[in-house]
Amino acid sequence: MERMAGKETVKNMEHLVKLLHKEWERSGRTKAEVSIDITDKKEVGAKLTAEIQERQEQLEAVETDFKECMELSRENFVLLRLARKIKKAADRAERREESVSFTVEMDKEEYKLFSTLIRVQEA
């Protein structure tokens, strides 16, 4: 009986985490617009990639507790969401030949993480 309850708990936790991942993939209301020079696109992408990888390594560490694991996971989802937005905006700007910069709309979470990683210029 205890084994069945344990399996049910694991199944419920997996479902909860899946729902959280879906929620974290969605961006909130735009709170800031950040202008990024086309020439800085690769540097910004490299910093985001490095930060995501670092957080992923922390997640895979054996001593990470559940609360810390969920926080790191949430931040990784926000950074991945932000990386997608930056890539999309940069690709659009590159199609317009005269563009020297592009603007990325960010929600509160995205802006907070982005501004801790990269010095920002608000548009």
PDB file of N, CA and C in Angstrom:
ATOM      1  N   MET A   1       0.824  -1.202   0.000  1.00  0.00           N
ATOM      2  CA  MET A   1       0.000   0.000   0.000  1.00  0.00           C
ATOM      3  C   MET A   1       0.865   1.261   0.000  1.00  0.00           C
ATOM      4  N   GLU A   2       1.909   1.240   0.835  1.00  0.00           N
ATOM      5  CA  GLU A   2       2.803   2.399   0.906  1.00  0.00           C
ATOM      6  C   GLU A   2       3.505   2.642  -0.428  1.00  0.00           C
ATOM      7  N   ARG A   3       3.864   1.557  -1.101  1.00  0.00           N
ATOM      8  CA  ARG A   3       4.553   1.646  -2.389  1.00  0.00           C
ATOM      9  C   ARG A   3       3.656   2.333  -3.423  1.00  0.00           C
ATOM     10  N   MET A   4       2.357   2.028  -3.412  1.00  0.00           N
ATOM     11  CA  MET A   4       1.397   2.640  -4.333  1.00  0.00           C
ATOM     12  C   MET A   4       1.268   4.137  -4.060  1.00  0.00           C
ATOM     13  N   ALA A   5       1.218   4.492  -2.785  1.00  0.00           N
ATOM     14  CA  ALA A   5       1.115   5.909  -2.424  1.00  0.00           C
ATOM     15  C   ALA A   5       2.370   6.658  -2.859  1.00  0.00           C
ATOM     16  N   GLY A   6       3.530   6.035  -2.728  1.00  0.00           N
ATOM     17  CA  GLY A   6       4.780   6.644  -3.158  1.00  0.00           C
ATOM     18  C   GLY A   6       4.812   6.862  -4.655  1.00  0.00           C
ATOM     19  N   LYS A   7       4.353   5.874  -5.419  1.00  0.00           N
ATOM     20  CA  LYS A   7       4.300   5.994  -6.881  1.00  0.00           C
ATOM     21  C   LYS A   7       3.350   7.112  -7.295  1.00  0.00           C
ATOM     22  N   GLU A   8       2.215   7.189  -6.607  1.00  0.00           N
ATOM     23  CA  GLU A   8       1.230   8.244  -6.904  1.00  0.00           C
ATOM     24  C   GLU A   8       1.824   9.622  -6.604  1.00  0.00           C
ATOM     25  N   THR A   9       2.566   9.735  -5.513  1.00  0.00           N
ATOM     26  CA  THR A   9       3.202  11.005  -5.151  1.00  0.00           C
ATOM     27  C   THR A   9       4.219  11.407  -6.211  1.00  0.00           C
ATOM     28  N   VAL A  10       5.039  10.468  -6.650  1.00  0.00           N
ATOM     29  CA  VAL A  10       6.035  10.740  -7.696  1.00  0.00           C
ATOM     30  C   VAL A  10       5.338  11.180  -8.981  1.00  0.00           C
ATOM     31  N   LYS A  11       4.267  10.490  -9.342  1.00  0.00           N
ATOM     32  CA  LYS A  11       3.512  10.828 -10.560  1.00  0.00           C
ATOM     33  C   LYS A  11       2.942  12.247 -10.454  1.00  0.00           C
ATOM     34  N   ASN A  12       2.397  12.586  -9.292  1.00  0.00           N
ATOM     35  CA  ASN A  12       1.841  13.926  -9.076  1.00  0.00           C
ATOM     36  C   ASN A  12       2.931  15.000  -9.135  1.00  0.00           C
ATOM     37  N   MET A  13       4.089  14.713  -8.554  1.00  0.00           N
ATOM     38  CA  MET A  13       5.202  15.679  -8.582  1.00  0.00           C
ATOM     39  C   MET A  13       5.697  15.899 -10.008  1.00  0.00           C
ATOM     40  N   GLU A  14       5.794  14.830 -10.791  1.00  0.00           N
ATOM     41  CA  GLU A  14       6.211  14.950 -12.186  1.00  0.00           C
ATOM     42  C   GLU A  14       5.222  15.804 -12.968  1.00  0.00           C
ATOM     43  N   HIS A  15       3.939  15.603 -12.719  1.00  0.00           N
ATOM     44  CA  HIS A  15       2.906  16.399 -13.387  1.00  0.00           C
ATOM     45  C   HIS A  15       3.020  17.870 -12.976  1.00  0.00           C
ATOM     46  N   LEU A  16       3.235  18.127 -11.698  1.00  0.00           N
ATOM     47  CA  LEU A  16       3.389  19.488 -11.195  1.00  0.00           C
ATOM     48  C   LEU A  16       4.582  20.183 -11.846  1.00  0.00           C
ATOM     49  N   VAL A  17       5.693  19.504 -11.929  1.00  0.00           N
ATOM     50  CA  VAL A  17       6.899  20.086 -12.542  1.00  0.00           C
ATOM     51  C   VAL A  17       6.648  20.358 -14.024  1.00  0.00           C
ATOM     52  N   LYS A  18       5.945  19.472 -14.709  1.00  0.00           N
ATOM     53  CA  LYS A  18       5.625  19.680 -16.121  1.00  0.00           C
ATOM     54  C   LYS A  18       4.769  20.939 -16.295  1.00  0.00           C
ATOM     55  N   LEU A  19       3.793  21.125 -15.409  1.00  0.00           N
ATOM     56  CA  LEU A  19       2.960  22.329 -15.451  1.00  0.00           C
ATOM     57  C   LEU A  19       3.790  23.593 -15.182  1.00  0.00           C
ATOM     58  N   LEU A  20       4.695  23.499 -14.222  1.00  0.00           N
ATOM     59  CA  LEU A  20       5.572  24.636 -13.936  1.00  0.00           C
ATOM     60  C   LEU A  20       6.411  24.992 -15.157  1.00  0.00           C
ATOM     61  N   HIS A  21       6.950  23.999 -15.838  1.00  0.00           N
ATOM     62  CA  HIS A  21       7.764  24.257 -17.028  1.00  0.00           C
ATOM     63  C   HIS A  21       6.959  24.975 -18.099  1.00  0.00           C
ATOM     64  N   LYS A  22       5.717  24.571 -18.292  1.00  0.00           N
ATOM     65  CA  LYS A  22       4.854  25.256 -19.268  1.00  0.00           C
ATOM     66  C   LYS A  22       4.644  26.718 -18.865  1.00  0.00           C
ATOM     67  N   GLU A  23       4.400  26.942 -17.592  1.00  0.00           N
ATOM     68  CA  GLU A  23       4.175  28.302 -17.102  1.00  0.00           C
ATOM     69  C   GLU A  23       5.431  29.156 -17.256  1.00  0.00           C
ATOM     70  N   TRP A  24       6.571  28.591 -16.949  1.00  0.00           N
ATOM     71  CA  TRP A  24       7.824  29.344 -17.025  1.00  0.00           C
ATOM     72  C   TRP A  24       8.205  29.690 -18.457  1.00  0.00           C
ATOM     73  N   GLU A  25       7.694  28.954 -19.436  1.00  0.00           N
ATOM     74  CA  GLU A  25       7.999  29.241 -20.833  1.00  0.00           C
ATOM     75  C   GLU A  25       7.265  30.480 -21.335  1.00  0.00           C
ATOM     76  N   ARG A  26       6.219  30.884 -20.626  1.00  0.00           N
ATOM     77  CA  ARG A  26       5.430  32.044 -21.051  1.00  0.00           C
ATOM     78  C   ARG A  26       5.995  33.318 -20.454  1.00  0.00           C
ATOM     79  N   SER A  27       6.088  34.321 -21.285  1.00  0.00           N
ATOM     80  CA  SER A  27       6.567  35.620 -20.844  1.00  0.00           C
ATOM     81  C   SER A  27       5.428  36.405 -20.214  1.00  0.00           C
ATOM     82  N   GLY A  28       5.764  37.236 -19.245  1.00  0.00           N
ATOM     83  CA  GLY A  28       4.775  38.094 -18.610  1.00  0.00           C
ATOM     84  C   GLY A  28       4.622  39.407 -19.362  1.00  0.00           C
ATOM     85  N   ARG A  29       3.994  40.382 -18.721  1.00  0.00           N
ATOM     86  CA  ARG A  29       3.829  41.704 -19.322  1.00  0.00           C
ATOM     87  C   ARG A  29       5.178  42.375 -19.522  1.00  0.00           C
ATOM     88  N   THR A  30       5.291  43.131 -20.600  1.00  0.00           N
ATOM     89  CA  THR A  30       6.519  43.856 -20.895  1.00  0.00           C
ATOM     90  C   THR A  30       6.729  44.944 -19.852  1.00  0.00           C
ATOM     91  N   LYS A  31       7.888  44.914 -19.207  1.00  0.00           N
ATOM     92  CA  LYS A  31       8.238  45.918 -18.198  1.00  0.00           C
ATOM     93  C   LYS A  31       9.387  46.797 -18.660  1.00  0.00           C
ATOM     94  N   ALA A  32      10.175  46.321 -19.635  1.00  0.00           N
ATOM     95  CA  ALA A  32      11.335  47.086 -20.101  1.00  0.00           C
ATOM     96  C   ALA A  32      11.621  46.731 -21.551  1.00  0.00           C
ATOM     97  N   GLU A  33      12.229  47.672 -22.237  1.00  0.00           N
ATOM     98  CA  GLU A  33      12.724  47.442 -23.587  1.00  0.00           C
ATOM     99  C   GLU A  33      14.216  47.710 -23.558  1.00  0.00           C
ATOM    100  N   VAL A  34      14.987  46.755 -24.040  1.00  0.00           N
ATOM    101  CA  VAL A  34      16.441  46.881 -24.019  1.00  0.00           C
ATOM    102  C   VAL A  34      16.944  46.902 -25.446  1.00  0.00           C
ATOM    103  N   SER A  35      17.822  47.864 -25.719  1.00  0.00           N
ATOM    104  CA  SER A  35      18.426  47.991 -27.034  1.00  0.00           C
ATOM    105  C   SER A  35      19.787  47.299 -27.026  1.00  0.00           C
ATOM    106  N   ILE A  36      20.017  46.454 -28.027  1.00  0.00           N
ATOM    107  CA  ILE A  36      21.273  45.720 -28.137  1.00  0.00           C
ATOM    108  C   ILE A  36      21.865  45.996 -29.512  1.00  0.00           C
ATOM    109  N   ASP A  37      23.138  46.367 -29.541  1.00  0.00           N
ATOM    110  CA  ASP A  37      23.819  46.580 -30.819  1.00  0.00           C
ATOM    111  C   ASP A  37      23.982  45.249 -31.543  1.00  0.00           C
ATOM    112  N   ILE A  38      23.844  45.296 -32.862  1.00  0.00           N
ATOM    113  CA  ILE A  38      24.011  44.088 -33.670  1.00  0.00           C
ATOM    114  C   ILE A  38      25.393  43.483 -33.412  1.00  0.00           C
ATOM    115  N   THR A  39      26.398  44.331 -33.240  1.00  0.00           N
ATOM    116  CA  THR A  39      27.759  43.835 -33.025  1.00  0.00           C
ATOM    117  C   THR A  39      27.914  43.109 -31.692  1.00  0.00           C
ATOM    118  N   ASP A  40      27.024  43.368 -30.738  1.00  0.00           N
ATOM    119  CA  ASP A  40      27.090  42.725 -29.424  1.00  0.00           C
ATOM    120  C   ASP A  40      26.267  41.446 -29.341  1.00  0.00           C
ATOM    121  N   LYS A  41      25.597  41.090 -30.430  1.00  0.00           N
ATOM    122  CA  LYS A  41      24.700  39.931 -30.431  1.00  0.00           C
ATOM    123  C   LYS A  41      25.406  38.651 -30.001  1.00  0.00           C
ATOM    124  N   LYS A  42      26.569  38.386 -30.563  1.00  0.00           N
ATOM    125  CA  LYS A  42      27.288  37.148 -30.237  1.00  0.00           C
ATOM    126  C   LYS A  42      27.752  37.150 -28.782  1.00  0.00           C
ATOM    127  N   GLU A  43      28.224  38.282 -28.304  1.00  0.00           N
ATOM    128  CA  GLU A  43      28.685  38.376 -26.911  1.00  0.00           C
ATOM    129  C   GLU A  43      27.532  38.141 -25.934  1.00  0.00           C
ATOM    130  N   VAL A  44      26.393  38.758 -26.217  1.00  0.00           N
ATOM    131  CA  VAL A  44      25.216  38.583 -25.365  1.00  0.00           C
ATOM    132  C   VAL A  44      24.775  37.120 -25.383  1.00  0.00           C
ATOM    133  N   GLY A  45      24.738  36.527 -26.561  1.00  0.00           N
ATOM    134  CA  GLY A  45      24.368  35.124 -26.683  1.00  0.00           C
ATOM    135  C   GLY A  45      25.326  34.211 -25.930  1.00  0.00           C
ATOM    136  N   ALA A  46      26.613  34.508 -26.013  1.00  0.00           N
ATOM    137  CA  ALA A  46      27.617  33.692 -25.320  1.00  0.00           C
ATOM    138  C   ALA A  46      27.460  33.804 -23.807  1.00  0.00           C
ATOM    139  N   LYS A  47      27.173  35.008 -23.299  1.00  0.00           N
ATOM    140  CA  LYS A  47      26.977  35.179 -21.853  1.00  0.00           C
ATOM    141  C   LYS A  47      25.748  34.424 -21.373  1.00  0.00           C
ATOM    142  N   LEU A  48      24.665  34.510 -22.134  1.00  0.00           N
ATOM    143  CA  LEU A  48      23.442  33.789 -21.763  1.00  0.00           C
ATOM    144  C   LEU A  48      23.684  32.277 -21.780  1.00  0.00           C
ATOM    145  N   THR A  49      24.357  31.801 -22.819  1.00  0.00           N
ATOM    146  CA  THR A  49      24.649  30.373 -22.932  1.00  0.00           C
ATOM    147  C   THR A  49      25.501  29.897 -21.759  1.00  0.00           C
ATOM    148  N   ALA A  50      26.532  30.656 -21.422  1.00  0.00           N
ATOM    149  CA  ALA A  50      27.412  30.289 -20.315  1.00  0.00           C
ATOM    150  C   ALA A  50      26.644  30.246 -18.992  1.00  0.00           C
ATOM    151  N   GLU A  51      25.765  31.220 -18.787  1.00  0.00           N
ATOM    152  CA  GLU A  51      24.986  31.268 -17.548  1.00  0.00           C
ATOM    153  C   GLU A  51      24.016  30.095 -17.462  1.00  0.00           C
ATOM    154  N   ILE A  52      23.375  29.760 -18.575  1.00  0.00           N
ATOM    155  CA  ILE A  52      22.459  28.624 -18.605  1.00  0.00           C
ATOM    156  C   ILE A  52      23.215  27.335 -18.302  1.00  0.00           C
ATOM    157  N   GLN A  53      24.387  27.162 -18.912  1.00  0.00           N
ATOM    158  CA  GLN A  53      25.185  25.961 -18.670  1.00  0.00           C
ATOM    159  C   GLN A  53      25.641  25.879 -17.215  1.00  0.00           C
ATOM    160  N   GLU A  54      26.043  27.004 -16.640  1.00  0.00           N
ATOM    161  CA  GLU A  54      26.478  27.020 -15.248  1.00  0.00           C
ATOM    162  C   GLU A  54      25.339  26.608 -14.314  1.00  0.00           C
ATOM    163  N   ARG A  55      24.159  27.160 -14.558  1.00  0.00           N
ATOM    164  CA  ARG A  55      23.005  26.811 -13.730  1.00  0.00           C
ATOM    165  C   ARG A  55      22.629  25.341 -13.912  1.00  0.00           C
ATOM    166  N   GLN A  56      22.757  24.833 -15.134  1.00  0.00           N
ATOM    167  CA  GLN A  56      22.449  23.423 -15.388  1.00  0.00           C
ATOM    168  C   GLN A  56      23.419  22.527 -14.631  1.00  0.00           C
ATOM    169  N   GLU A  57      24.690  22.903 -14.592  1.00  0.00           N
ATOM    170  CA  GLU A  57      25.680  22.128 -13.831  1.00  0.00           C
ATOM    171  C   GLU A  57      25.345  22.146 -12.343  1.00  0.00           C
ATOM    172  N   GLN A  58      24.884  23.276 -11.836  1.00  0.00           N
ATOM    173  CA  GLN A  58      24.473  23.357 -10.438  1.00  0.00           C
ATOM    174  C   GLN A  58      23.275  22.452 -10.178  1.00  0.00           C
ATOM    175  N   LEU A  59      22.354  22.397 -11.150  1.00  0.00           N
ATOM    176  CA  LEU A  59      21.176  21.531 -11.017  1.00  0.00           C
ATOM    177  C   LEU A  59      21.570  20.059 -10.923  1.00  0.00           C
ATOM    178  N   GLU A  60      22.586  19.692 -11.670  1.00  0.00           N
ATOM    179  CA  GLU A  60      23.001  18.297 -11.718  1.00  0.00           C
ATOM    180  C   GLU A  60      23.897  17.916 -10.543  1.00  0.00           C
ATOM    181  N   ALA A  61      24.300  18.889  -9.736  1.00  0.00           N
ATOM    182  CA  ALA A  61      25.130  18.600  -8.571  1.00  0.00           C
ATOM    183  C   ALA A  61      24.328  17.757  -7.576  1.00  0.00           C
ATOM    184  N   VAL A  62      24.992  16.853  -6.930  1.00  0.00           N
ATOM    185  CA  VAL A  62      24.330  15.908  -6.033  1.00  0.00           C
ATOM    186  C   VAL A  62      23.729  16.601  -4.813  1.00  0.00           C
ATOM    187  N   GLU A  63      24.383  17.625  -4.281  1.00  0.00           N
ATOM    188  CA  GLU A  63      23.939  18.223  -3.029  1.00  0.00           C
ATOM    189  C   GLU A  63      22.825  19.271  -3.166  1.00  0.00           C
ATOM    190  N   THR A  64      22.282  19.454  -4.344  1.00  0.00           N
ATOM    191  CA  THR A  64      21.233  20.435  -4.548  1.00  0.00           C
ATOM    192  C   THR A  64      19.917  19.938  -3.938  1.00  0.00           C
ATOM    193  N   ASP A  65      19.311  20.757  -3.058  1.00  0.00           N
ATOM    194  CA  ASP A  65      18.025  20.364  -2.472  1.00  0.00           C
ATOM    195  C   ASP A  65      16.889  20.744  -3.432  1.00  0.00           C
ATOM    196  N   PHE A  66      15.683  20.269  -3.147  1.00  0.00           N
ATOM    197  CA  PHE A  66      14.550  20.440  -4.049  1.00  0.00           C
ATOM    198  C   PHE A  66      14.229  21.914  -4.291  1.00  0.00           C
ATOM    199  N   LYS A  67      14.196  22.717  -3.228  1.00  0.00           N
ATOM    200  CA  LYS A  67      13.851  24.135  -3.358  1.00  0.00           C
ATOM    201  C   LYS A  67      14.858  24.860  -4.249  1.00  0.00           C
ATOM    202  N   GLU A  68      16.136  24.616  -4.015  1.00  0.00           N
ATOM    203  CA  GLU A  68      17.181  25.246  -4.818  1.00  0.00           C
ATOM    204  C   GLU A  68      17.118  24.757  -6.264  1.00  0.00           C
ATOM    205  N   CYS A  69      16.825  23.482  -6.427  1.00  0.00           N
ATOM    206  CA  CYS A  69      16.702  22.895  -7.759  1.00  0.00           C
ATOM    207  C   CYS A  69      15.574  23.565  -8.545  1.00  0.00           C
ATOM    208  N   MET A  70      14.447  23.776  -7.911  1.00  0.00           N
ATOM    209  CA  MET A  70      13.312  24.418  -8.583  1.00  0.00           C
ATOM    210  C   MET A  70      13.629  25.868  -8.932  1.00  0.00           C
ATOM    211  N   GLU A  71      14.318  26.574  -8.058  1.00  0.00           N
ATOM    212  CA  GLU A  71      14.689  27.969  -8.333  1.00  0.00           C
ATOM    213  C   GLU A  71      15.653  28.054  -9.519  1.00  0.00           C
ATOM    214  N   LEU A  72      16.655  27.202  -9.538  1.00  0.00           N
ATOM    215  CA  LEU A  72      17.603  27.189 -10.658  1.00  0.00           C
ATOM    216  C   LEU A  72      16.903  26.809 -11.959  1.00  0.00           C
ATOM    217  N   SER A  73      15.997  25.862 -11.882  1.00  0.00           N
ATOM    218  CA  SER A  73      15.250  25.444 -13.058  1.00  0.00           C
ATOM    219  C   SER A  73      14.401  26.595 -13.601  1.00  0.00           C
ATOM    220  N   ARG A  74      13.726  27.314 -12.704  1.00  0.00           N
ATOM    221  CA  ARG A  74      12.915  28.452 -13.123  1.00  0.00           C
ATOM    222  C   ARG A  74      13.777  29.514 -13.800  1.00  0.00           C
ATOM    223  N   GLU A  75      14.921  29.826 -13.197  1.00  0.00           N
ATOM    224  CA  GLU A  75      15.808  30.831 -13.780  1.00  0.00           C
ATOM    225  C   GLU A  75      16.320  30.382 -15.144  1.00  0.00           C
ATOM    226  N   ASN A  76      16.606  29.087 -15.296  1.00  0.00           N
ATOM    227  CA  ASN A  76      17.039  28.588 -16.594  1.00  0.00           C
ATOM    228  C   ASN A  76      15.948  28.756 -17.645  1.00  0.00           C
ATOM    229  N   PHE A  77      14.708  28.480 -17.270  1.00  0.00           N
ATOM    230  CA  PHE A  77      13.610  28.662 -18.218  1.00  0.00           C
ATOM    231  C   PHE A  77      13.481  30.130 -18.621  1.00  0.00           C
ATOM    232  N   VAL A  78      13.643  31.048 -17.680  1.00  0.00           N
ATOM    233  CA  VAL A  78      13.570  32.479 -17.982  1.00  0.00           C
ATOM    234  C   VAL A  78      14.708  32.863 -18.930  1.00  0.00           C
ATOM    235  N   LEU A  79      15.922  32.374 -18.663  1.00  0.00           N
ATOM    236  CA  LEU A  79      17.065  32.681 -19.527  1.00  0.00           C
ATOM    237  C   LEU A  79      16.882  32.085 -20.926  1.00  0.00           C
ATOM    238  N   LEU A  80      16.352  30.889 -21.015  1.00  0.00           N
ATOM    239  CA  LEU A  80      16.093  30.289 -22.325  1.00  0.00           C
ATOM    240  C   LEU A  80      15.036  31.078 -23.094  1.00  0.00           C
ATOM    241  N   ARG A  81      14.001  31.496 -22.391  1.00  0.00           N
ATOM    242  CA  ARG A  81      12.945  32.322 -22.998  1.00  0.00           C
ATOM    243  C   ARG A  81      13.540  33.627 -23.523  1.00  0.00           C
ATOM    244  N   LEU A  82      14.406  34.230 -22.724  1.00  0.00           N
ATOM    245  CA  LEU A  82      15.062  35.479 -23.106  1.00  0.00           C
ATOM    246  C   LEU A  82      15.988  35.266 -24.308  1.00  0.00           C
ATOM    247  N   ALA A  83      16.731  34.171 -24.319  1.00  0.00           N
ATOM    248  CA  ALA A  83      17.629  33.876 -25.441  1.00  0.00           C
ATOM    249  C   ALA A  83      16.839  33.749 -26.741  1.00  0.00           C
ATOM    250  N   ARG A  84      15.665  33.104 -26.674  1.00  0.00           N
ATOM    251  CA  ARG A  84      14.816  32.989 -27.870  1.00  0.00           C
ATOM    252  C   ARG A  84      14.364  34.360 -28.357  1.00  0.00           C
ATOM    253  N   LYS A  85      13.961  35.232 -27.411  1.00  0.00           N
ATOM    254  CA  LYS A  85      13.511  36.582 -27.781  1.00  0.00           C
ATOM    255  C   LYS A  85      14.640  37.370 -28.441  1.00  0.00           C
ATOM    256  N   ILE A  86      15.829  37.283 -27.876  1.00  0.00           N
ATOM    257  CA  ILE A  86      16.975  38.029 -28.409  1.00  0.00           C
ATOM    258  C   ILE A  86      17.327  37.516 -29.799  1.00  0.00           C
ATOM    259  N   LYS A  87      17.355  36.202 -29.973  1.00  0.00           N
ATOM    260  CA  LYS A  87      17.674  35.642 -31.287  1.00  0.00           C
ATOM    261  C   LYS A  87      16.657  36.070 -32.329  1.00  0.00           C
ATOM    262  N   LYS A  88      15.397  36.010 -31.979  1.00  0.00           N
ATOM    263  CA  LYS A  88      14.331  36.393 -32.916  1.00  0.00           C
ATOM    264  C   LYS A  88      14.455  37.862 -33.312  1.00  0.00           C
ATOM    265  N   ALA A  89      14.674  38.736 -32.321  1.00  0.00           N
ATOM    266  CA  ALA A  89      14.812  40.174 -32.600  1.00  0.00           C
ATOM    267  C   ALA A  89      16.067  40.461 -33.420  1.00  0.00           C
ATOM    268  N   ALA A  90      17.155  39.762 -33.129  1.00  0.00           N
ATOM    269  CA  ALA A  90      18.407  39.961 -33.871  1.00  0.00           C
ATOM    270  C   ALA A  90      18.255  39.506 -35.317  1.00  0.00           C
ATOM    271  N   ASP A  91      17.606  38.367 -35.525  1.00  0.00           N
ATOM    272  CA  ASP A  91      17.385  37.871 -36.881  1.00  0.00           C
ATOM    273  C   ASP A  91      16.549  38.847 -37.699  1.00  0.00           C
ATOM    274  N   ARG A  92      15.508  39.420 -37.072  1.00  0.00           N
ATOM    275  CA  ARG A  92      14.688  40.425 -37.761  1.00  0.00           C
ATOM    276  C   ARG A  92      15.520  41.641 -38.120  1.00  0.00           C
ATOM    277  N   ALA A  93      16.356  42.094 -37.199  1.00  0.00           N
ATOM    278  CA  ALA A  93      17.186  43.285 -37.434  1.00  0.00           C
ATOM    279  C   ALA A  93      18.205  43.033 -38.542  1.00  0.00           C
ATOM    280  N   GLU A  94      18.756  41.841 -38.594  1.00  0.00           N
ATOM    281  CA  GLU A  94      19.748  41.528 -39.631  1.00  0.00           C
ATOM    282  C   GLU A  94      19.134  41.494 -41.025  1.00  0.00           C
ATOM    283  N   ARG A  95      17.844  41.183 -41.110  1.00  0.00           N
ATOM    284  CA  ARG A  95      17.173  41.197 -42.414  1.00  0.00           C
ATOM    285  C   ARG A  95      17.013  42.619 -42.939  1.00  0.00           C
ATOM    286  N   ARG A  96      16.921  43.573 -41.999  1.00  0.00           N
ATOM    287  CA  ARG A  96      16.893  44.984 -42.405  1.00  0.00           C
ATOM    288  C   ARG A  96      18.344  45.445 -42.444  1.00  0.00           C
ATOM    289  N   GLU A  97      18.860  45.670 -43.611  1.00  0.00           N
ATOM    290  CA  GLU A  97      20.291  45.908 -43.811  1.00  0.00           C
ATOM    291  C   GLU A  97      20.834  47.128 -43.086  1.00  0.00           C
ATOM    292  N   GLU A  98      20.030  48.154 -42.890  1.00  0.00           N
ATOM    293  CA  GLU A  98      20.518  49.391 -42.279  1.00  0.00           C
ATOM    294  C   GLU A  98      20.514  49.357 -40.745  1.00  0.00           C
ATOM    295  N   SER A  99      20.036  48.287 -40.151  1.00  0.00           N
ATOM    296  CA  SER A  99      19.932  48.192 -38.697  1.00  0.00           C
ATOM    297  C   SER A  99      21.307  48.104 -38.035  1.00  0.00           C
ATOM    298  N   VAL A 100      21.462  48.891 -36.972  1.00  0.00           N
ATOM    299  CA  VAL A 100      22.692  48.828 -36.178  1.00  0.00           C
ATOM    300  C   VAL A 100      22.406  48.278 -34.781  1.00  0.00           C
ATOM    301  N   SER A 101      21.115  48.254 -34.411  1.00  0.00           N
ATOM    302  CA  SER A 101      20.723  47.705 -33.114  1.00  0.00           C
ATOM    303  C   SER A 101      19.316  47.137 -33.219  1.00  0.00           C
ATOM    304  N   PHE A 102      18.926  46.455 -32.186  1.00  0.00           N
ATOM    305  CA  PHE A 102      17.567  45.919 -32.127  1.00  0.00           C
ATOM    306  C   PHE A 102      17.074  46.032 -30.693  1.00  0.00           C
ATOM    307  N   THR A 103      15.753  46.027 -30.545  1.00  0.00           N
ATOM    308  CA  THR A 103      15.130  46.185 -29.241  1.00  0.00           C
ATOM    309  C   THR A 103      14.439  44.892 -28.841  1.00  0.00           C
ATOM    310  N   VAL A 104      14.606  44.536 -27.575  1.00  0.00           N
ATOM    311  CA  VAL A 104      13.982  43.326 -27.038  1.00  0.00           C
ATOM    312  C   VAL A 104      13.079  43.732 -25.879  1.00  0.00           C
ATOM    313  N   GLU A 105      11.804  43.333 -25.965  1.00  0.00           N
ATOM    314  CA  GLU A 105      10.869  43.581 -24.862  1.00  0.00           C
ATOM    315  C   GLU A 105      11.043  42.483 -23.825  1.00  0.00           C
ATOM    316  N   MET A 106      11.134  42.890 -22.553  1.00  0.00           N
ATOM    317  CA  MET A 106      11.365  41.923 -21.480  1.00  0.00           C
ATOM    318  C   MET A 106      10.360  42.109 -20.362  1.00  0.00           C
ATOM    319  N   ASP A 107       9.981  40.987 -19.752  1.00  0.00           N
ATOM    320  CA  ASP A 107       9.154  41.069 -18.563  1.00  0.00           C
ATOM    321  C   ASP A 107      10.069  41.290 -17.351  1.00  0.00           C
ATOM    322  N   LYS A 108       9.477  41.383 -16.185  1.00  0.00           N
ATOM    323  CA  LYS A 108      10.234  41.703 -14.969  1.00  0.00           C
ATOM    324  C   LYS A 108      11.330  40.672 -14.688  1.00  0.00           C
ATOM    325  N   GLU A 109      11.005  39.394 -14.786  1.00  0.00           N
ATOM    326  CA  GLU A 109      11.982  38.337 -14.507  1.00  0.00           C
ATOM    327  C   GLU A 109      13.125  38.349 -15.510  1.00  0.00           C
ATOM    328  N   GLU A 110      12.775  38.480 -16.794  1.00  0.00           N
ATOM    329  CA  GLU A 110      13.793  38.497 -17.846  1.00  0.00           C
ATOM    330  C   GLU A 110      14.729  39.680 -17.663  1.00  0.00           C
ATOM    331  N   TYR A 111      14.149  40.846 -17.405  1.00  0.00           N
ATOM    332  CA  TYR A 111      14.957  42.048 -17.241  1.00  0.00           C
ATOM    333  C   TYR A 111      15.881  41.941 -16.029  1.00  0.00           C
ATOM    334  N   LYS A 112      15.367  41.402 -14.948  1.00  0.00           N
ATOM    335  CA  LYS A 112      16.173  41.266 -13.723  1.00  0.00           C
ATOM    336  C   LYS A 112      17.400  40.390 -13.989  1.00  0.00           C
ATOM    337  N   LEU A 113      17.194  39.220 -14.588  1.00  0.00           N
ATOM    338  CA  LEU A 113      18.320  38.333 -14.876  1.00  0.00           C
ATOM    339  C   LEU A 113      19.259  38.930 -15.922  1.00  0.00           C
ATOM    340  N   PHE A 114      18.689  39.524 -16.960  1.00  0.00           N
ATOM    341  CA  PHE A 114      19.500  40.108 -18.021  1.00  0.00           C
ATOM    342  C   PHE A 114      20.381  41.233 -17.485  1.00  0.00           C
ATOM    343  N   SER A 115      19.798  42.097 -16.657  1.00  0.00           N
ATOM    344  CA  SER A 115      20.562  43.244 -16.149  1.00  0.00           C
ATOM    345  C   SER A 115      21.650  42.825 -15.163  1.00  0.00           C
ATOM    346  N   THR A 116      21.513  41.670 -14.530  1.00  0.00           N
ATOM    347  CA  THR A 116      22.590  41.193 -13.661  1.00  0.00           C
ATOM    348  C   THR A 116      23.740  40.615 -14.478  1.00  0.00           C
ATOM    349  N   LEU A 117      23.455  40.150 -15.686  1.00  0.00           N
ATOM    350  CA  LEU A 117      24.485  39.557 -16.534  1.00  0.00           C
ATOM    351  C   LEU A 117      25.161  40.567 -17.448  1.00  0.00           C
ATOM    352  N   ILE A 118      24.394  41.527 -17.933  1.00  0.00           N
ATOM    353  CA  ILE A 118      24.877  42.435 -18.983  1.00  0.00           C
ATOM    354  C   ILE A 118      24.470  43.859 -18.644  1.00  0.00           C
ATOM    355  N   ARG A 119      25.395  44.773 -18.851  1.00  0.00           N
ATOM    356  CA  ARG A 119      25.079  46.189 -18.650  1.00  0.00           C
ATOM    357  C   ARG A 119      24.052  46.602 -19.699  1.00  0.00           C
ATOM    358  N   VAL A 120      22.954  47.210 -19.253  1.00  0.00           N
ATOM    359  CA  VAL A 120      21.844  47.473 -20.187  1.00  0.00           C
ATOM    360  C   VAL A 120      21.748  48.928 -20.587  1.00  0.00           C
ATOM    361  N   GLN A 121      21.210  49.123 -21.793  1.00  0.00           N
ATOM    362  CA  GLN A 121      20.822  50.426 -22.304  1.00  0.00           C
ATOM    363  C   GLN A 121      19.343  50.334 -22.590  1.00  0.00           C
ATOM    364  N   GLU A 122      18.527  51.025 -21.823  1.00  0.00           N
ATOM    365  CA  GLU A 122      17.087  50.956 -22.075  1.00  0.00           C
ATOM    366  C   GLU A 122      16.737  51.812 -23.276  1.00  0.00           C
ATOM    367  N   ALA A 123      15.847  51.286 -24.107  1.00  0.00           N
ATOM    368  CA  ALA A 123      15.446  51.992 -25.333  1.00  0.00           C
ATOM    369  C   ALA A 123      14.434  53.058 -25.010  1.00  0.00           C
TER     370      ALA A 123
END
